[in-house]
Amino acid sequence: HVFEPRYRAMTANCLAGDRLMGVALLREGWQKDYFGRPPIRRVFGVGKIIDHELLANGCYNLVLDGLYRVRLIEEFPTESYRVGRVQVLLDPPIDELRVQVSVLMKELHEATRRIGALLPPVQEAIQNAWSSHPHPLVVVNQLASVLVIDAYDRQSILEECDPLRRIRLLLVQVRTILDQLSLDPLRQKAADDE
């Protein structure tokens, strides 16, 4: 949902152009200069606007399809929203890591299947992430966007260049979710009642 005037202008410009939009996380302490130019994390995602709704009040609802992980190279001075030049971050080849990646992805698949069974509202999003792309790291990025609630935890996964470490970081988050679900007294009571 886009509601601030500066980001509504940015959205209109994106829609009039190539429909690409970067979404960067603000650095810690952003509150001091939110309406100015607070510092941002230099690694972020770029997506293409695949659906939008312009509301009567001038706000937008958007759906972005994530395309790239990028690093900000240069920021250009503008009046309201940020514009910059980025470098696409290509994932390194995983051919030599295929066995290790396969083991980790099997563990991730089983763990996310269990989350989907325990949390039906996210089951479809998890399945969509698994079917989104054949490359394991694209699946990891999609799952992180669906399951990892804390923006800074999600950012640490996004910024990780080492394929095995990126998968392991997501596995830590997924195991934490499973631990929390197994400790949820309401969920435990429902399981006991069955």
N, C-alpha and C. Protein backbone atom coordinates (compact mmCIF):
# COMPACT_ATOMS: atom_id res chain seq x y z
N HIS A 1 0.85 -1.17 0.00
CA HIS A 1 0.00 0.00 0.00
C HIS A 1 0.90 1.24 0.00
N VAL A 2 0.71 2.13 -0.94
CA VAL A 2 1.54 3.33 -1.08
C VAL A 2 0.66 4.53 -0.75
N PHE A 3 1.03 5.27 0.29
CA PHE A 3 0.17 6.38 0.72
C PHE A 3 0.89 7.72 0.81
N GLU A 4 2.21 7.73 1.01
CA GLU A 4 2.90 9.01 1.13
C GLU A 4 2.99 9.69 -0.23
N PRO A 5 2.83 11.02 -0.27
CA PRO A 5 2.88 11.73 -1.56
C PRO A 5 4.15 11.45 -2.37
N ARG A 6 5.32 11.39 -1.72
CA ARG A 6 6.55 11.17 -2.48
C ARG A 6 6.57 9.79 -3.12
N TYR A 7 6.02 8.80 -2.43
CA TYR A 7 6.02 7.45 -2.99
C TYR A 7 4.87 7.24 -3.97
N ARG A 8 3.83 8.03 -3.84
CA ARG A 8 2.77 7.99 -4.86
C ARG A 8 3.32 8.55 -6.17
N ALA A 9 4.12 9.61 -6.10
CA ALA A 9 4.75 10.17 -7.31
C ALA A 9 5.72 9.16 -7.91
N MET A 10 6.48 8.48 -7.07
CA MET A 10 7.40 7.46 -7.56
C MET A 10 6.64 6.34 -8.26
N THR A 11 5.54 5.90 -7.66
CA THR A 11 4.74 4.82 -8.24
C THR A 11 4.19 5.24 -9.60
N ALA A 12 3.67 6.46 -9.69
CA ALA A 12 3.15 6.95 -10.98
C ALA A 12 4.24 6.95 -12.04
N ASN A 13 5.46 7.37 -11.67
CA ASN A 13 6.57 7.37 -12.61
C ASN A 13 6.98 5.95 -13.01
N CYS A 14 6.98 5.04 -12.06
CA CYS A 14 7.30 3.64 -12.38
C CYS A 14 6.27 3.05 -13.34
N LEU A 15 5.00 3.33 -13.08
CA LEU A 15 3.93 2.81 -13.94
C LEU A 15 4.01 3.40 -15.34
N ALA A 16 4.46 4.63 -15.45
CA ALA A 16 4.58 5.28 -16.76
C ALA A 16 5.83 4.80 -17.51
N GLY A 17 6.76 4.15 -16.79
CA GLY A 17 8.00 3.70 -17.41
C GLY A 17 8.06 2.19 -17.50
N ASP A 18 9.18 1.63 -17.02
CA ASP A 18 9.41 0.19 -17.15
C ASP A 18 8.77 -0.63 -16.04
N ARG A 19 8.10 0.03 -15.11
CA ARG A 19 7.37 -0.61 -14.00
C ARG A 19 8.29 -1.26 -12.97
N LEU A 20 9.60 -0.94 -13.03
CA LEU A 20 10.54 -1.48 -12.06
C LEU A 20 10.63 -0.56 -10.85
N MET A 21 10.73 -1.18 -9.67
CA MET A 21 10.78 -0.41 -8.43
C MET A 21 11.70 -1.13 -7.45
N GLY A 22 12.60 -0.38 -6.83
CA GLY A 22 13.44 -0.92 -5.78
C GLY A 22 12.80 -0.67 -4.43
N VAL A 23 12.95 -1.63 -3.54
CA VAL A 23 12.41 -1.49 -2.18
C VAL A 23 13.57 -1.73 -1.22
N ALA A 24 14.05 -0.64 -0.64
CA ALA A 24 15.20 -0.70 0.27
C ALA A 24 14.74 -0.57 1.71
N LEU A 25 15.45 -1.24 2.58
CA LEU A 25 15.18 -1.16 4.01
C LEU A 25 15.93 0.04 4.59
N LEU A 26 15.23 0.81 5.40
CA LEU A 26 15.89 1.93 6.09
C LEU A 26 16.83 1.38 7.16
N ARG A 27 17.95 2.05 7.33
CA ARG A 27 18.90 1.64 8.37
C ARG A 27 18.32 1.95 9.75
N GLU A 28 18.84 1.24 10.73
CA GLU A 28 18.44 1.48 12.11
C GLU A 28 18.63 2.96 12.43
N GLY A 29 17.73 3.53 13.21
CA GLY A 29 17.79 4.94 13.56
C GLY A 29 17.12 5.85 12.54
N TRP A 30 16.41 5.29 11.58
CA TRP A 30 15.78 6.03 10.49
C TRP A 30 14.75 7.06 11.00
N GLN A 31 14.22 6.84 12.19
CA GLN A 31 13.15 7.70 12.70
C GLN A 31 13.58 9.15 12.82
N LYS A 32 14.88 9.40 13.05
CA LYS A 32 15.36 10.77 13.24
C LYS A 32 15.21 11.62 11.99
N ASP A 33 15.22 10.99 10.81
CA ASP A 33 15.19 11.75 9.57
C ASP A 33 14.23 11.14 8.55
N TYR A 34 13.13 10.57 9.04
CA TYR A 34 12.24 9.83 8.15
C TYR A 34 11.74 10.67 6.98
N PHE A 35 11.34 11.90 7.24
CA PHE A 35 10.78 12.72 6.16
C PHE A 35 11.86 13.41 5.33
N GLY A 36 13.10 13.20 5.69
CA GLY A 36 14.22 13.69 4.89
C GLY A 36 14.75 12.55 4.03
N ARG A 37 16.03 12.23 4.25
CA ARG A 37 16.67 11.14 3.50
C ARG A 37 17.41 10.23 4.48
N PRO A 38 16.67 9.45 5.25
CA PRO A 38 17.37 8.57 6.19
C PRO A 38 18.22 7.54 5.44
N PRO A 39 19.30 7.10 6.05
CA PRO A 39 20.17 6.13 5.37
C PRO A 39 19.43 4.81 5.12
N ILE A 40 19.78 4.19 4.00
CA ILE A 40 19.16 2.92 3.63
C ILE A 40 20.23 1.83 3.56
N ARG A 41 19.78 0.58 3.63
CA ARG A 41 20.68 -0.54 3.39
C ARG A 41 20.98 -0.56 1.90
N ARG A 42 22.22 -0.82 1.55
CA ARG A 42 22.66 -0.72 0.15
C ARG A 42 22.30 -1.93 -0.70
N VAL A 43 21.92 -3.03 -0.06
CA VAL A 43 21.45 -4.21 -0.79
C VAL A 43 19.94 -4.28 -0.61
N PHE A 44 19.23 -4.42 -1.72
CA PHE A 44 17.77 -4.49 -1.65
C PHE A 44 17.22 -5.21 -2.87
N GLY A 45 15.93 -5.34 -2.90
CA GLY A 45 15.27 -6.03 -4.00
C GLY A 45 14.69 -5.05 -5.01
N VAL A 46 14.67 -5.48 -6.27
CA VAL A 46 14.00 -4.74 -7.33
C VAL A 46 12.94 -5.67 -7.90
N GLY A 47 11.75 -5.12 -8.06
CA GLY A 47 10.66 -5.91 -8.61
C GLY A 47 9.95 -5.14 -9.70
N LYS A 48 9.12 -5.86 -10.42
CA LYS A 48 8.30 -5.26 -11.47
C LYS A 48 6.86 -5.20 -10.96
N ILE A 49 6.23 -4.06 -11.15
CA ILE A 49 4.83 -3.91 -10.77
C ILE A 49 4.00 -4.75 -11.74
N ILE A 50 3.36 -5.80 -11.22
CA ILE A 50 2.57 -6.67 -12.09
C ILE A 50 1.07 -6.43 -11.93
N ASP A 51 0.70 -5.72 -10.87
CA ASP A 51 -0.70 -5.36 -10.69
C ASP A 51 -0.74 -4.12 -9.80
N HIS A 52 -1.69 -3.26 -10.06
CA HIS A 52 -1.84 -2.06 -9.24
C HIS A 52 -3.29 -1.60 -9.25
N GLU A 53 -3.61 -0.87 -8.20
CA GLU A 53 -4.93 -0.25 -8.09
C GLU A 53 -4.72 1.17 -7.60
N LEU A 54 -5.20 2.13 -8.38
CA LEU A 54 -5.16 3.53 -7.95
C LEU A 54 -6.46 3.80 -7.21
N LEU A 55 -6.35 4.15 -5.95
CA LEU A 55 -7.52 4.39 -5.11
C LEU A 55 -8.04 5.81 -5.29
N ALA A 56 -9.26 6.04 -4.90
CA ALA A 56 -9.90 7.35 -5.05
C ALA A 56 -9.12 8.46 -4.34
N ASN A 57 -8.42 8.13 -3.25
CA ASN A 57 -7.67 9.14 -2.50
C ASN A 57 -6.26 9.36 -3.04
N GLY A 58 -5.92 8.73 -4.18
CA GLY A 58 -4.61 8.91 -4.78
C GLY A 58 -3.57 7.92 -4.31
N CYS A 59 -3.92 7.08 -3.36
CA CYS A 59 -3.00 6.04 -2.90
C CYS A 59 -3.03 4.87 -3.88
N TYR A 60 -2.05 3.97 -3.74
CA TYR A 60 -1.97 2.80 -4.61
C TYR A 60 -1.90 1.53 -3.78
N ASN A 61 -2.47 0.49 -4.31
CA ASN A 61 -2.18 -0.87 -3.87
C ASN A 61 -1.36 -1.51 -4.98
N LEU A 62 -0.25 -2.14 -4.63
CA LEU A 62 0.67 -2.70 -5.62
C LEU A 62 0.94 -4.17 -5.36
N VAL A 63 1.22 -4.87 -6.44
CA VAL A 63 1.79 -6.21 -6.36
C VAL A 63 3.08 -6.16 -7.17
N LEU A 64 4.20 -6.48 -6.49
CA LEU A 64 5.51 -6.52 -7.15
C LEU A 64 5.94 -7.96 -7.31
N ASP A 65 6.53 -8.26 -8.46
CA ASP A 65 7.16 -9.54 -8.68
C ASP A 65 8.65 -9.32 -8.51
N GLY A 66 9.22 -9.90 -7.46
CA GLY A 66 10.64 -9.71 -7.19
C GLY A 66 11.50 -10.28 -8.31
N LEU A 67 12.40 -9.47 -8.83
CA LEU A 67 13.24 -9.89 -9.95
C LEU A 67 14.72 -10.03 -9.59
N TYR A 68 15.24 -9.06 -8.84
CA TYR A 68 16.69 -9.00 -8.63
C TYR A 68 17.03 -8.63 -7.20
N ARG A 69 18.20 -9.14 -6.76
CA ARG A 69 18.88 -8.57 -5.59
C ARG A 69 19.88 -7.60 -6.19
N VAL A 70 19.94 -6.40 -5.63
CA VAL A 70 20.85 -5.39 -6.18
C VAL A 70 21.62 -4.71 -5.06
N ARG A 71 22.71 -4.05 -5.48
CA ARG A 71 23.49 -3.20 -4.56
C ARG A 71 23.47 -1.79 -5.13
N LEU A 72 23.16 -0.82 -4.27
CA LEU A 72 23.16 0.58 -4.69
C LEU A 72 24.59 1.02 -4.95
N ILE A 73 24.83 1.52 -6.16
CA ILE A 73 26.15 2.00 -6.55
C ILE A 73 26.23 3.51 -6.40
N GLU A 74 25.18 4.18 -6.83
CA GLU A 74 25.17 5.65 -6.81
C GLU A 74 23.74 6.13 -6.63
N GLU A 75 23.58 7.13 -5.78
CA GLU A 75 22.27 7.73 -5.58
C GLU A 75 22.29 9.12 -6.21
N PHE A 76 21.24 9.44 -6.97
CA PHE A 76 21.16 10.73 -7.64
C PHE A 76 20.29 11.67 -6.83
N PRO A 77 20.67 12.94 -6.74
CA PRO A 77 19.86 13.90 -5.97
C PRO A 77 18.51 14.11 -6.67
N THR A 78 17.46 13.99 -5.89
CA THR A 78 16.11 14.25 -6.38
C THR A 78 15.36 15.00 -5.30
N GLU A 79 14.22 15.53 -5.68
CA GLU A 79 13.42 16.32 -4.75
C GLU A 79 12.72 15.47 -3.69
N SER A 80 12.13 14.34 -4.10
CA SER A 80 11.29 13.63 -3.14
C SER A 80 11.75 12.20 -2.88
N TYR A 81 11.61 11.32 -3.85
CA TYR A 81 11.98 9.92 -3.63
C TYR A 81 13.37 9.65 -4.21
N ARG A 82 13.91 8.52 -3.85
CA ARG A 82 15.28 8.17 -4.25
C ARG A 82 15.33 7.57 -5.64
N VAL A 83 16.39 7.92 -6.36
CA VAL A 83 16.69 7.35 -7.66
C VAL A 83 18.17 7.02 -7.65
N GLY A 84 18.52 5.89 -8.19
CA GLY A 84 19.93 5.53 -8.16
C GLY A 84 20.30 4.55 -9.25
N ARG A 85 21.59 4.28 -9.31
CA ARG A 85 22.15 3.27 -10.21
C ARG A 85 22.51 2.08 -9.35
N VAL A 86 22.13 0.90 -9.81
CA VAL A 86 22.37 -0.31 -9.03
C VAL A 86 23.14 -1.34 -9.84
N GLN A 87 23.71 -2.27 -9.13
CA GLN A 87 24.37 -3.42 -9.74
C GLN A 87 23.58 -4.66 -9.34
N VAL A 88 23.18 -5.46 -10.32
CA VAL A 88 22.48 -6.70 -10.02
C VAL A 88 23.46 -7.67 -9.38
N LEU A 89 23.06 -8.27 -8.28
CA LEU A 89 23.90 -9.25 -7.58
C LEU A 89 23.54 -10.64 -8.09
N LEU A 90 24.45 -11.21 -8.82
CA LEU A 90 24.22 -12.56 -9.35
C LEU A 90 24.65 -13.58 -8.30
N ASP A 91 23.84 -14.60 -8.15
CA ASP A 91 24.22 -15.67 -7.23
C ASP A 91 25.36 -16.47 -7.84
N PRO A 92 26.31 -16.88 -7.01
CA PRO A 92 27.42 -17.67 -7.55
C PRO A 92 26.91 -19.04 -8.01
N PRO A 93 27.64 -19.69 -8.91
CA PRO A 93 27.23 -21.03 -9.34
C PRO A 93 27.21 -21.98 -8.15
N ILE A 94 26.23 -22.86 -8.15
CA ILE A 94 26.12 -23.81 -7.04
C ILE A 94 26.40 -25.24 -7.48
N ASP A 95 26.89 -25.42 -8.70
CA ASP A 95 27.13 -26.76 -9.22
C ASP A 95 28.00 -27.61 -8.29
N GLU A 96 29.08 -27.02 -7.79
CA GLU A 96 29.99 -27.77 -6.92
C GLU A 96 29.42 -27.97 -5.52
N LEU A 97 28.34 -27.26 -5.21
CA LEU A 97 27.70 -27.36 -3.89
C LEU A 97 26.39 -28.14 -3.97
N ARG A 98 26.11 -28.72 -5.11
CA ARG A 98 24.80 -29.32 -5.37
C ARG A 98 24.37 -30.29 -4.27
N VAL A 99 25.27 -31.16 -3.81
CA VAL A 99 24.91 -32.16 -2.79
C VAL A 99 24.55 -31.46 -1.49
N GLN A 100 25.37 -30.49 -1.05
CA GLN A 100 25.09 -29.78 0.19
C GLN A 100 23.80 -28.96 0.08
N VAL A 101 23.62 -28.30 -1.05
CA VAL A 101 22.41 -27.51 -1.28
C VAL A 101 21.19 -28.43 -1.24
N SER A 102 21.30 -29.59 -1.87
CA SER A 102 20.18 -30.53 -1.92
C SER A 102 19.78 -30.99 -0.51
N VAL A 103 20.76 -31.30 0.32
CA VAL A 103 20.47 -31.73 1.69
C VAL A 103 19.76 -30.63 2.47
N LEU A 104 20.30 -29.41 2.37
CA LEU A 104 19.68 -28.28 3.08
C LEU A 104 18.28 -27.97 2.56
N MET A 105 18.10 -28.04 1.24
CA MET A 105 16.79 -27.74 0.66
C MET A 105 15.75 -28.80 1.05
N LYS A 106 16.17 -30.06 1.18
CA LYS A 106 15.24 -31.10 1.63
C LYS A 106 14.79 -30.82 3.06
N GLU A 107 15.75 -30.42 3.90
CA GLU A 107 15.40 -30.07 5.28
C GLU A 107 14.47 -28.87 5.31
N LEU A 108 14.77 -27.88 4.49
CA LEU A 108 13.93 -26.69 4.41
C LEU A 108 12.53 -27.04 3.91
N HIS A 109 12.46 -27.91 2.92
CA HIS A 109 11.15 -28.31 2.37
C HIS A 109 10.31 -28.99 3.44
N GLU A 110 10.91 -29.90 4.19
CA GLU A 110 10.16 -30.60 5.24
C GLU A 110 9.71 -29.61 6.33
N ALA A 111 10.59 -28.73 6.72
CA ALA A 111 10.24 -27.76 7.78
C ALA A 111 9.14 -26.80 7.32
N THR A 112 9.22 -26.33 6.09
CA THR A 112 8.18 -25.41 5.62
C THR A 112 6.87 -26.15 5.37
N ARG A 113 6.93 -27.42 5.01
CA ARG A 113 5.71 -28.23 4.89
C ARG A 113 5.02 -28.32 6.24
N ARG A 114 5.81 -28.52 7.30
CA ARG A 114 5.24 -28.59 8.66
C ARG A 114 4.63 -27.25 9.06
N ILE A 115 5.29 -26.15 8.72
CA ILE A 115 4.72 -24.82 9.03
C ILE A 115 3.39 -24.66 8.31
N GLY A 116 3.34 -25.03 7.03
CA GLY A 116 2.11 -24.91 6.27
C GLY A 116 0.98 -25.73 6.87
N ALA A 117 1.31 -26.91 7.40
CA ALA A 117 0.29 -27.75 8.03
C ALA A 117 -0.21 -27.12 9.34
N LEU A 118 0.70 -26.45 10.06
CA LEU A 118 0.31 -25.82 11.33
C LEU A 118 -0.33 -24.46 11.14
N LEU A 119 -0.01 -23.79 10.04
CA LEU A 119 -0.54 -22.45 9.76
C LEU A 119 -1.18 -22.44 8.37
N PRO A 120 -2.38 -22.96 8.23
CA PRO A 120 -3.01 -23.02 6.91
C PRO A 120 -3.05 -21.71 6.13
N PRO A 121 -3.16 -20.53 6.79
CA PRO A 121 -3.18 -19.29 6.00
C PRO A 121 -1.91 -19.04 5.17
N VAL A 122 -0.77 -19.62 5.57
CA VAL A 122 0.46 -19.41 4.80
C VAL A 122 0.80 -20.59 3.90
N GLN A 123 0.01 -21.65 3.96
CA GLN A 123 0.31 -22.85 3.20
C GLN A 123 0.40 -22.59 1.69
N GLU A 124 -0.53 -21.83 1.14
CA GLU A 124 -0.52 -21.55 -0.30
C GLU A 124 0.70 -20.71 -0.68
N ALA A 125 1.04 -19.72 0.15
CA ALA A 125 2.21 -18.89 -0.15
C ALA A 125 3.50 -19.73 -0.11
N ILE A 126 3.57 -20.67 0.81
CA ILE A 126 4.74 -21.56 0.88
C ILE A 126 4.81 -22.43 -0.38
N GLN A 127 3.69 -23.00 -0.77
CA GLN A 127 3.66 -23.82 -1.98
C GLN A 127 4.02 -23.00 -3.21
N ASN A 128 3.53 -21.78 -3.29
CA ASN A 128 3.87 -20.90 -4.42
C ASN A 128 5.37 -20.60 -4.46
N ALA A 129 5.98 -20.40 -3.28
CA ALA A 129 7.42 -20.14 -3.24
C ALA A 129 8.19 -21.34 -3.78
N TRP A 130 7.78 -22.53 -3.38
CA TRP A 130 8.48 -23.74 -3.84
C TRP A 130 8.31 -23.95 -5.33
N SER A 131 7.20 -23.53 -5.89
CA SER A 131 6.99 -23.74 -7.33
C SER A 131 7.36 -22.52 -8.16
N SER A 132 7.87 -21.47 -7.52
CA SER A 132 8.13 -20.20 -8.21
C SER A 132 9.28 -20.28 -9.21
N HIS A 133 10.27 -21.12 -8.94
CA HIS A 133 11.47 -21.12 -9.78
C HIS A 133 12.27 -22.38 -9.49
N PRO A 134 12.98 -22.93 -10.48
CA PRO A 134 13.77 -24.13 -10.21
C PRO A 134 15.06 -23.88 -9.43
N HIS A 135 15.55 -22.63 -9.39
CA HIS A 135 16.81 -22.36 -8.69
C HIS A 135 16.57 -22.28 -7.19
N PRO A 136 17.32 -23.06 -6.41
CA PRO A 136 17.09 -23.10 -4.96
C PRO A 136 17.19 -21.73 -4.27
N LEU A 137 18.10 -20.87 -4.71
CA LEU A 137 18.25 -19.59 -4.02
C LEU A 137 17.09 -18.64 -4.30
N VAL A 138 16.46 -18.78 -5.45
CA VAL A 138 15.24 -18.00 -5.72
C VAL A 138 14.13 -18.47 -4.77
N VAL A 139 14.04 -19.78 -4.59
CA VAL A 139 13.05 -20.33 -3.65
C VAL A 139 13.33 -19.82 -2.24
N VAL A 140 14.60 -19.80 -1.84
CA VAL A 140 14.98 -19.29 -0.51
C VAL A 140 14.54 -17.84 -0.36
N ASN A 141 14.80 -17.02 -1.37
CA ASN A 141 14.39 -15.61 -1.31
C ASN A 141 12.88 -15.48 -1.17
N GLN A 142 12.14 -16.28 -1.93
CA GLN A 142 10.67 -16.22 -1.87
C GLN A 142 10.17 -16.67 -0.50
N LEU A 143 10.73 -17.77 0.01
CA LEU A 143 10.31 -18.24 1.33
C LEU A 143 10.63 -17.22 2.43
N ALA A 144 11.78 -16.58 2.33
CA ALA A 144 12.14 -15.56 3.32
C ALA A 144 11.13 -14.43 3.30
N SER A 145 10.70 -14.03 2.11
CA SER A 145 9.74 -12.92 2.03
C SER A 145 8.38 -13.31 2.60
N VAL A 146 8.05 -14.59 2.57
CA VAL A 146 6.77 -15.07 3.07
C VAL A 146 6.80 -15.33 4.57
N LEU A 147 7.90 -15.92 5.06
CA LEU A 147 7.92 -16.44 6.42
C LEU A 147 8.65 -15.59 7.45
N VAL A 148 9.64 -14.81 7.04
CA VAL A 148 10.45 -14.08 8.01
C VAL A 148 9.82 -12.71 8.25
N ILE A 149 9.29 -12.53 9.44
CA ILE A 149 8.52 -11.33 9.76
C ILE A 149 9.42 -10.12 10.00
N ASP A 150 10.50 -10.32 10.75
CA ASP A 150 11.38 -9.20 11.09
C ASP A 150 12.15 -8.73 9.86
N ALA A 151 12.00 -7.46 9.53
CA ALA A 151 12.62 -6.90 8.32
C ALA A 151 14.15 -7.01 8.36
N TYR A 152 14.76 -6.85 9.52
CA TYR A 152 16.22 -6.91 9.60
C TYR A 152 16.73 -8.35 9.48
N ASP A 153 15.95 -9.32 9.96
CA ASP A 153 16.30 -10.73 9.74
C ASP A 153 16.18 -11.08 8.26
N ARG A 154 15.12 -10.61 7.62
CA ARG A 154 14.94 -10.82 6.17
C ARG A 154 16.10 -10.19 5.41
N GLN A 155 16.51 -9.01 5.84
CA GLN A 155 17.61 -8.29 5.19
C GLN A 155 18.90 -9.09 5.28
N SER A 156 19.17 -9.70 6.43
CA SER A 156 20.41 -10.47 6.58
C SER A 156 20.43 -11.65 5.60
N ILE A 157 19.29 -12.24 5.33
CA ILE A 157 19.21 -13.32 4.35
C ILE A 157 19.44 -12.76 2.95
N LEU A 158 18.79 -11.66 2.64
CA LEU A 158 18.93 -11.03 1.32
C LEU A 158 20.37 -10.63 1.02
N GLU A 159 21.08 -10.13 2.02
CA GLU A 159 22.45 -9.65 1.81
C GLU A 159 23.48 -10.76 1.72
N GLU A 160 23.15 -11.95 2.18
CA GLU A 160 24.13 -13.04 2.22
C GLU A 160 24.44 -13.55 0.81
N CYS A 161 25.70 -13.50 0.44
CA CYS A 161 26.12 -13.95 -0.90
C CYS A 161 26.46 -15.42 -0.94
N ASP A 162 26.92 -15.99 0.17
CA ASP A 162 27.28 -17.39 0.20
C ASP A 162 26.00 -18.24 0.17
N PRO A 163 25.82 -19.10 -0.85
CA PRO A 163 24.57 -19.85 -0.99
C PRO A 163 24.24 -20.73 0.21
N LEU A 164 25.23 -21.44 0.73
CA LEU A 164 24.96 -22.33 1.87
C LEU A 164 24.59 -21.54 3.11
N ARG A 165 25.28 -20.43 3.35
CA ARG A 165 24.94 -19.60 4.52
C ARG A 165 23.56 -18.98 4.38
N ARG A 166 23.18 -18.59 3.15
CA ARG A 166 21.85 -18.00 2.96
C ARG A 166 20.76 -19.03 3.29
N ILE A 167 20.95 -20.26 2.83
CA ILE A 167 19.96 -21.30 3.13
C ILE A 167 19.93 -21.57 4.63
N ARG A 168 21.11 -21.64 5.25
CA ARG A 168 21.17 -21.90 6.70
C ARG A 168 20.53 -20.78 7.50
N LEU A 169 20.72 -19.53 7.07
CA LEU A 169 20.07 -18.41 7.77
C LEU A 169 18.55 -18.56 7.73
N LEU A 170 18.02 -18.95 6.59
CA LEU A 170 16.57 -19.16 6.50
C LEU A 170 16.16 -20.34 7.36
N LEU A 171 16.95 -21.40 7.37
CA LEU A 171 16.63 -22.56 8.21
C LEU A 171 16.56 -22.19 9.69
N VAL A 172 17.44 -21.32 10.14
CA VAL A 172 17.39 -20.85 11.53
C VAL A 172 16.04 -20.19 11.80
N GLN A 173 15.61 -19.33 10.89
CA GLN A 173 14.33 -18.64 11.05
C GLN A 173 13.16 -19.63 11.04
N VAL A 174 13.21 -20.57 10.12
CA VAL A 174 12.13 -21.56 10.00
C VAL A 174 12.07 -22.45 11.24
N ARG A 175 13.22 -22.88 11.74
CA ARG A 175 13.24 -23.69 12.97
C ARG A 175 12.68 -22.90 14.16
N THR A 176 12.99 -21.61 14.20
CA THR A 176 12.46 -20.76 15.27
C THR A 176 10.93 -20.69 15.19
N ILE A 177 10.41 -20.55 13.98
CA ILE A 177 8.96 -20.53 13.79
C ILE A 177 8.35 -21.84 14.28
N LEU A 178 8.96 -22.96 13.91
CA LEU A 178 8.44 -24.27 14.34
C LEU A 178 8.50 -24.41 15.85
N ASP A 179 9.59 -23.95 16.46
CA ASP A 179 9.70 -24.00 17.92
C ASP A 179 8.59 -23.17 18.57
N GLN A 180 8.35 -21.99 18.05
CA GLN A 180 7.31 -21.13 18.61
C GLN A 180 5.92 -21.75 18.44
N LEU A 181 5.69 -22.37 17.30
CA LEU A 181 4.40 -23.02 17.07
C LEU A 181 4.19 -24.20 18.00
N SER A 182 5.26 -24.95 18.28
CA SER A 182 5.12 -26.11 19.16
C SER A 182 4.93 -25.68 20.62
N LEU A 183 5.36 -24.47 20.95
CA LEU A 183 5.19 -23.96 22.32
C LEU A 183 3.91 -23.18 22.51
N ASP A 184 3.18 -22.91 21.42
CA ASP A 184 1.95 -22.13 21.48
C ASP A 184 0.90 -22.92 22.26
N PRO A 185 0.48 -22.42 23.46
CA PRO A 185 -0.45 -23.19 24.30
C PRO A 185 -1.79 -23.46 23.61
N LEU A 186 -2.29 -22.53 22.84
CA LEU A 186 -3.58 -22.75 22.16
C LEU A 186 -3.43 -23.85 21.11
N ARG A 187 -2.33 -23.84 20.38
CA ARG A 187 -2.10 -24.87 19.37
C ARG A 187 -1.90 -26.23 20.03
N GLN A 188 -1.19 -26.25 21.17
CA GLN A 188 -0.96 -27.50 21.88
C GLN A 188 -2.28 -28.06 22.42
N LYS A 189 -3.13 -27.17 22.94
CA LYS A 189 -4.43 -27.61 23.45
C LYS A 189 -5.27 -28.20 22.33
N ALA A 190 -5.27 -27.55 21.16
CA ALA A 190 -6.03 -28.06 20.01
C ALA A 190 -5.51 -29.43 19.60
N ALA A 191 -4.18 -29.62 19.63
CA ALA A 191 -3.60 -30.92 19.26
C ALA A 191 -3.97 -31.98 20.30
N ASP A 192 -3.99 -31.60 21.58
CA ASP A 192 -4.36 -32.53 22.63
C ASP A 192 -5.82 -32.95 22.54
N ASP A 193 -6.67 -32.01 22.11
CA ASP A 193 -8.11 -32.29 22.02
C ASP A 193 -8.45 -33.25 20.89
N GLU A 194 -7.54 -33.39 19.91
CA GLU A 194 -7.82 -34.24 18.75
C GLU A 194 -7.72 -35.67 19.06
